[in-house]
Structures are given as structure tokens and as C-alpha cells.
């Protein structure tokens, strides 16, 4: 009886986790799921537990690989909300980035294992690559939007606040605003560096998937890039 109860709890957690995200390839246009809990939350382990259970109860290797790309979308949603709320130094951002890389790497590993077992993985690799490309564009847009917001703040300070402080000769306010401008410039630089590092790491893992696509699909991918 106790075993049944425990399994029932696990099944409910897995079901909750499965409904919190967007189903894989549900439509031609990929959208980020609701971020839900982020790594900043002390209850984030519940999200991770739910994902682990979903993975555990998924027995088909191809479905497991697709599930990892779905999880990657959830990591991107978490990154998006953290960057929007607290910027590039948000607590928990490094955790989400690390898990995102792990999701893509695991999907690539499954493809490699399937190929080693003698299966034709070209179609699976193409599907995974296309789905991750769509999510990766949303990740890129996240950093682009954050950078645009910082530039807008910088423009507001320079054009209006700092100009007014100089007009009235408020030296204390001028010093404060100049420090704010310096901080914003540092955030913009840090944001660009973080984006480049993350994209490079993700591309290294994605390349492993792309290499298993058909030659025609690989050529098409190169042209699109």
C-alpha cells in the first residue's frame, strides 16, 4: 500500500511538471513555457524532481531526447525572467545556464548512443536541431531585450536627468548619475560576455547533434547560419 502511495505521489509530481511547460513540437511556432520556479527559489528542487521523474518514466530514447529539448526551453524561460527582473548578476542565473547546457548535451548524447546501436538518427537529429534552434532564438532575444532596456535607461539618464543636474549645477546629483551610467555600461558589457559564452557552449553541444543530420540538412543549416 505504501509503495502504491509513493508511486502515486511521484506520478502526480511528474504530471504537474509536464503541464507546466509547452508540449514538444505542439505547434510550428515554439513559445517559452511559464518559468514557474527559478533557481533562486528554495523550492526549485521540486521542479527538478518533477523533470527527473518525467525523464525516468519516459522509456523511448527518442522521446527522452525530445524531452531534454523541452526542458531546455524551461531553462531559457527561467533565464529570461531572472535577467528581466534582476539583470545579469541575478542569483541562480549560473545554475539555469549550467542546466541548459546539460539538457542539450544529454540530448546529443542520446543521439550518439542511438547511432552507435545501429539506428538511423538523421531524422531525429534534424528534429532536435530545429526545435532547439527555435528556442535558442528566444534565448538570443532575451539578451537583446535586456541590452535594449539598459540602453534606454542610459539614454534617459544622459538626455534628461544628467542634463538637468548639470543645468542647475547639482554636483552631488551629477556624481550619482555618472556612477549609475558607469554601472549600466558595466552591465551591458557583462551581458554581452555572458551571452557570447553561453551561446558558444550551447553551439558546441548542438554541433554534435547537427553532425548526425543528413548531408543535405547540414548544408541547409550552414546556409541558414
Protein backbone atom coordinates (compact mmCIF):
# COMPACT_ATOMS: atom_id res chain seq x y z
CA UNK A 1 0.00 0.00 0.00
CA UNK A 2 2.85 2.36 0.88
CA UNK A 3 4.57 1.63 -2.43
CA UNK A 4 1.40 2.49 -4.31
CA UNK A 5 1.06 5.75 -2.40
CA UNK A 6 4.67 6.76 -3.08
CA UNK A 7 4.31 5.96 -6.78
CA UNK A 8 1.09 7.94 -6.88
CA UNK A 9 2.84 10.99 -5.41
CA UNK A 10 5.67 10.64 -7.95
CA UNK A 11 3.17 10.33 -10.77
CA UNK A 12 1.35 13.47 -9.63
CA UNK A 13 4.61 15.40 -9.47
CA UNK A 14 5.53 14.20 -12.94
CA UNK A 15 2.09 15.18 -14.23
CA UNK A 16 2.40 18.64 -12.64
CA UNK A 17 5.80 19.14 -14.23
CA UNK A 18 4.53 18.00 -17.62
CA UNK A 19 1.70 20.53 -17.58
CA UNK A 20 3.94 23.41 -16.54
CA UNK A 21 5.76 23.52 -19.85
CA UNK A 22 4.91 23.57 -23.54
CA UNK A 23 4.49 20.21 -25.23
CA UNK A 24 7.30 19.31 -27.61
CA UNK A 25 6.57 20.23 -31.22
CA UNK A 26 2.98 21.04 -30.36
CA UNK A 27 2.86 23.72 -33.00
CA UNK A 28 5.07 25.15 -35.71
CA UNK A 29 5.79 28.20 -33.56
CA UNK A 30 7.71 27.47 -30.38
CA UNK A 31 6.86 29.56 -27.34
CA UNK A 32 8.58 29.56 -23.98
CA UNK A 33 6.68 27.87 -21.17
CA UNK A 34 5.90 29.71 -17.96
CA UNK A 35 9.13 29.93 -15.97
CA UNK A 36 7.39 28.85 -12.77
CA UNK A 37 10.00 28.46 -10.06
CA UNK A 38 13.51 29.66 -10.81
CA UNK A 39 16.83 28.53 -9.26
CA UNK A 40 16.53 31.49 -6.89
CA UNK A 41 13.66 29.74 -5.12
CA UNK A 42 14.33 27.37 -2.22
CA UNK A 43 11.61 25.14 -3.71
CA UNK A 44 13.30 24.87 -7.11
CA UNK A 45 14.25 21.29 -6.28
CA UNK A 46 10.57 20.38 -6.78
CA UNK A 47 10.78 21.45 -10.42
CA UNK A 48 13.95 19.41 -10.83
CA UNK A 49 12.36 16.42 -9.14
CA UNK A 50 9.37 16.63 -11.46
CA UNK A 51 11.64 16.72 -14.52
CA UNK A 52 13.69 13.79 -13.27
CA UNK A 53 10.53 11.78 -12.77
CA UNK A 54 9.26 12.62 -16.24
CA UNK A 55 12.60 11.50 -17.64
CA UNK A 56 12.53 8.33 -15.54
CA UNK A 57 9.06 7.37 -16.75
CA UNK A 58 9.93 8.07 -20.40
CA UNK A 59 11.31 4.84 -21.81
CA UNK A 60 11.79 5.57 -25.50
CA UNK A 61 15.27 7.06 -26.17
CA UNK A 62 13.94 9.35 -28.90
CA UNK A 63 11.26 10.68 -26.55
CA UNK A 64 13.90 11.18 -23.86
CA UNK A 65 15.99 13.29 -26.24
CA UNK A 66 12.98 15.41 -27.19
CA UNK A 67 12.16 15.83 -23.51
CA UNK A 68 15.61 17.31 -22.90
CA UNK A 69 14.98 19.96 -25.55
CA UNK A 70 11.66 20.74 -23.89
CA UNK A 71 13.47 21.12 -20.57
CA UNK A 72 15.95 23.42 -22.33
CA UNK A 73 13.01 25.68 -23.16
CA UNK A 74 12.10 25.82 -19.48
CA UNK A 75 15.69 26.76 -18.58
CA UNK A 76 15.54 29.57 -21.14
CA UNK A 77 12.26 30.79 -19.63
CA UNK A 78 13.95 30.84 -16.21
CA UNK A 79 16.91 32.78 -17.59
CA UNK A 80 14.55 35.24 -19.23
CA UNK A 81 12.62 36.05 -16.07
CA UNK A 82 15.75 36.35 -13.93
CA UNK A 83 17.52 38.64 -16.40
CA UNK A 84 14.40 40.81 -16.76
CA UNK A 85 13.91 41.17 -13.01
CA UNK A 86 17.45 41.33 -11.63
CA UNK A 87 19.84 41.67 -14.53
CA UNK A 88 22.97 39.80 -15.45
CA UNK A 89 24.05 39.26 -11.83
CA UNK A 90 20.83 37.57 -10.77
CA UNK A 91 21.31 34.87 -8.18
CA UNK A 92 20.62 31.48 -9.73
CA UNK A 93 21.41 32.53 -13.29
CA UNK A 94 24.55 30.38 -13.40
CA UNK A 95 22.52 27.35 -12.26
CA UNK A 96 19.96 27.77 -15.05
CA UNK A 97 22.73 28.24 -17.62
CA UNK A 98 24.53 25.10 -16.44
CA UNK A 99 21.34 23.05 -16.55
CA UNK A 100 20.55 24.40 -20.03
CA UNK A 101 23.92 23.23 -21.33
CA UNK A 102 23.36 19.86 -19.65
CA UNK A 103 19.95 19.46 -21.31
CA UNK A 104 21.38 20.00 -24.79
CA UNK A 105 24.42 17.84 -24.05
CA UNK A 106 22.23 14.98 -22.84
CA UNK A 107 20.07 15.17 -25.97
CA UNK A 108 23.25 14.98 -28.06
CA UNK A 109 24.47 12.03 -26.02
CA UNK A 110 21.24 10.11 -26.62
CA UNK A 111 21.52 10.71 -30.38
CA UNK A 112 25.11 9.42 -30.30
CA UNK A 113 24.12 6.32 -28.34
CA UNK A 114 21.26 5.57 -30.74
CA UNK A 115 23.62 5.84 -33.69
CA UNK A 116 26.15 3.57 -32.00
CA UNK A 117 23.39 0.98 -31.55
CA UNK A 118 22.96 0.94 -35.33
CA UNK A 119 19.90 3.18 -35.72
CA UNK A 120 19.48 5.87 -38.37
CA UNK A 121 19.32 9.06 -36.33
CA UNK A 122 19.32 11.63 -39.15
CA UNK A 123 15.62 12.47 -38.80
CA UNK A 124 15.80 12.63 -35.00
CA UNK A 125 18.88 14.86 -35.15
CA UNK A 126 17.12 17.21 -37.60
CA UNK A 127 14.04 17.41 -35.37
CA UNK A 128 16.06 18.12 -32.24
CA UNK A 129 18.19 20.69 -34.02
CA UNK A 130 15.18 22.56 -35.42
CA UNK A 131 13.40 22.58 -32.07
CA UNK A 132 16.44 23.85 -30.22
CA UNK A 133 17.13 26.49 -32.89
CA UNK A 134 13.66 27.91 -32.26
CA UNK A 135 14.27 28.03 -28.51
CA UNK A 136 17.77 29.42 -28.96
CA UNK A 137 16.33 32.35 -30.90
CA UNK A 138 14.19 33.14 -27.85
CA UNK A 139 17.31 32.99 -25.67
CA UNK A 140 19.08 35.39 -28.00
CA UNK A 141 16.07 37.72 -27.91
CA UNK A 142 16.14 37.65 -24.10
CA UNK A 143 19.66 39.08 -24.02
CA UNK A 144 18.84 41.51 -26.83
CA UNK A 145 15.82 42.86 -24.93
CA UNK A 146 17.81 43.19 -21.71
CA UNK A 147 20.52 45.11 -23.52
CA UNK A 148 17.95 47.39 -25.14
CA UNK A 149 16.39 48.11 -21.73
CA UNK A 150 19.76 49.06 -20.26
CA UNK A 151 20.48 51.34 -23.21
CA UNK A 152 17.10 53.01 -22.76
CA UNK A 153 17.88 53.63 -19.09
CA UNK A 154 21.27 55.05 -20.02
CA UNK A 155 19.69 57.37 -22.59
CA UNK A 156 17.13 58.61 -20.07
CA UNK A 157 19.84 59.42 -17.56
CA UNK A 158 22.12 61.17 -20.04
CA UNK A 159 19.47 63.03 -22.00
CA UNK A 160 17.21 64.15 -19.18
CA UNK A 161 18.42 63.59 -15.63
CA UNK A 162 22.11 64.34 -16.09
CA UNK A 163 21.42 67.29 -18.37
CA UNK A 164 19.08 68.79 -15.79
CA UNK A 165 21.54 68.20 -12.94
CA UNK A 166 24.26 69.99 -14.90
CA UNK A 167 21.90 72.83 -15.78
CA UNK A 168 21.18 73.56 -12.14
CA UNK A 169 24.72 72.81 -11.01
CA UNK A 170 23.81 69.94 -8.65
CA UNK A 171 27.26 68.39 -8.27
CA UNK A 172 26.13 65.63 -5.90
CA UNK A 173 23.41 64.51 -8.30
CA UNK A 174 25.83 64.69 -11.21
CA UNK A 175 28.25 62.37 -9.40
CA UNK A 176 25.45 59.94 -8.55
CA UNK A 177 24.13 59.83 -12.12
CA UNK A 178 27.60 59.39 -13.58
CA UNK A 179 28.10 56.39 -11.28
CA UNK A 180 24.79 54.99 -12.48
CA UNK A 181 25.92 55.40 -16.09
CA UNK A 182 29.16 53.61 -15.32
CA UNK A 183 27.27 50.75 -13.68
CA UNK A 184 24.91 50.45 -16.66
CA UNK A 185 27.86 50.31 -19.08
CA UNK A 186 29.40 47.53 -16.99
CA UNK A 187 26.11 45.62 -17.02
CA UNK A 188 25.88 45.94 -20.81
CA UNK A 189 29.41 44.60 -21.20
CA UNK A 190 28.78 41.76 -18.75
CA UNK A 191 25.53 40.89 -20.52
CA UNK A 192 27.30 40.64 -23.88
CA UNK A 193 30.08 38.50 -22.46
CA UNK A 194 27.64 36.14 -20.74
CA UNK A 195 25.59 35.79 -23.91
CA UNK A 196 28.67 35.01 -26.01
CA UNK A 197 29.98 32.41 -23.55
CA UNK A 198 26.63 30.69 -23.20
CA UNK A 199 25.98 30.65 -26.95
CA UNK A 200 29.45 29.23 -27.59
CA UNK A 201 28.95 26.42 -25.08
CA UNK A 202 25.50 25.61 -26.43
CA UNK A 203 26.74 25.64 -30.02
CA UNK A 204 29.46 23.13 -29.14
CA UNK A 205 26.80 20.70 -27.90
CA UNK A 206 24.40 21.46 -30.74
CA UNK A 207 27.14 20.75 -33.27
CA UNK A 208 27.17 17.16 -32.04
CA UNK A 209 23.51 16.89 -33.00
CA UNK A 210 23.97 18.69 -36.32
CA UNK A 211 26.77 16.29 -37.27
CA UNK A 212 24.28 13.42 -37.21
CA UNK A 213 21.86 15.10 -39.64
CA UNK A 214 21.82 14.15 -43.31
CA UNK A 215 24.34 15.91 -45.54
CA UNK A 216 21.55 17.82 -47.26
CA UNK A 217 20.19 19.07 -43.93
CA UNK A 218 23.68 20.00 -42.76
CA UNK A 219 24.26 22.04 -45.91
CA UNK A 220 20.92 23.77 -45.46
CA UNK A 221 21.80 24.56 -41.84
CA UNK A 222 25.12 26.10 -42.87
CA UNK A 223 23.37 28.31 -45.43
CA UNK A 224 20.79 29.48 -42.85
CA UNK A 225 23.53 30.34 -40.36
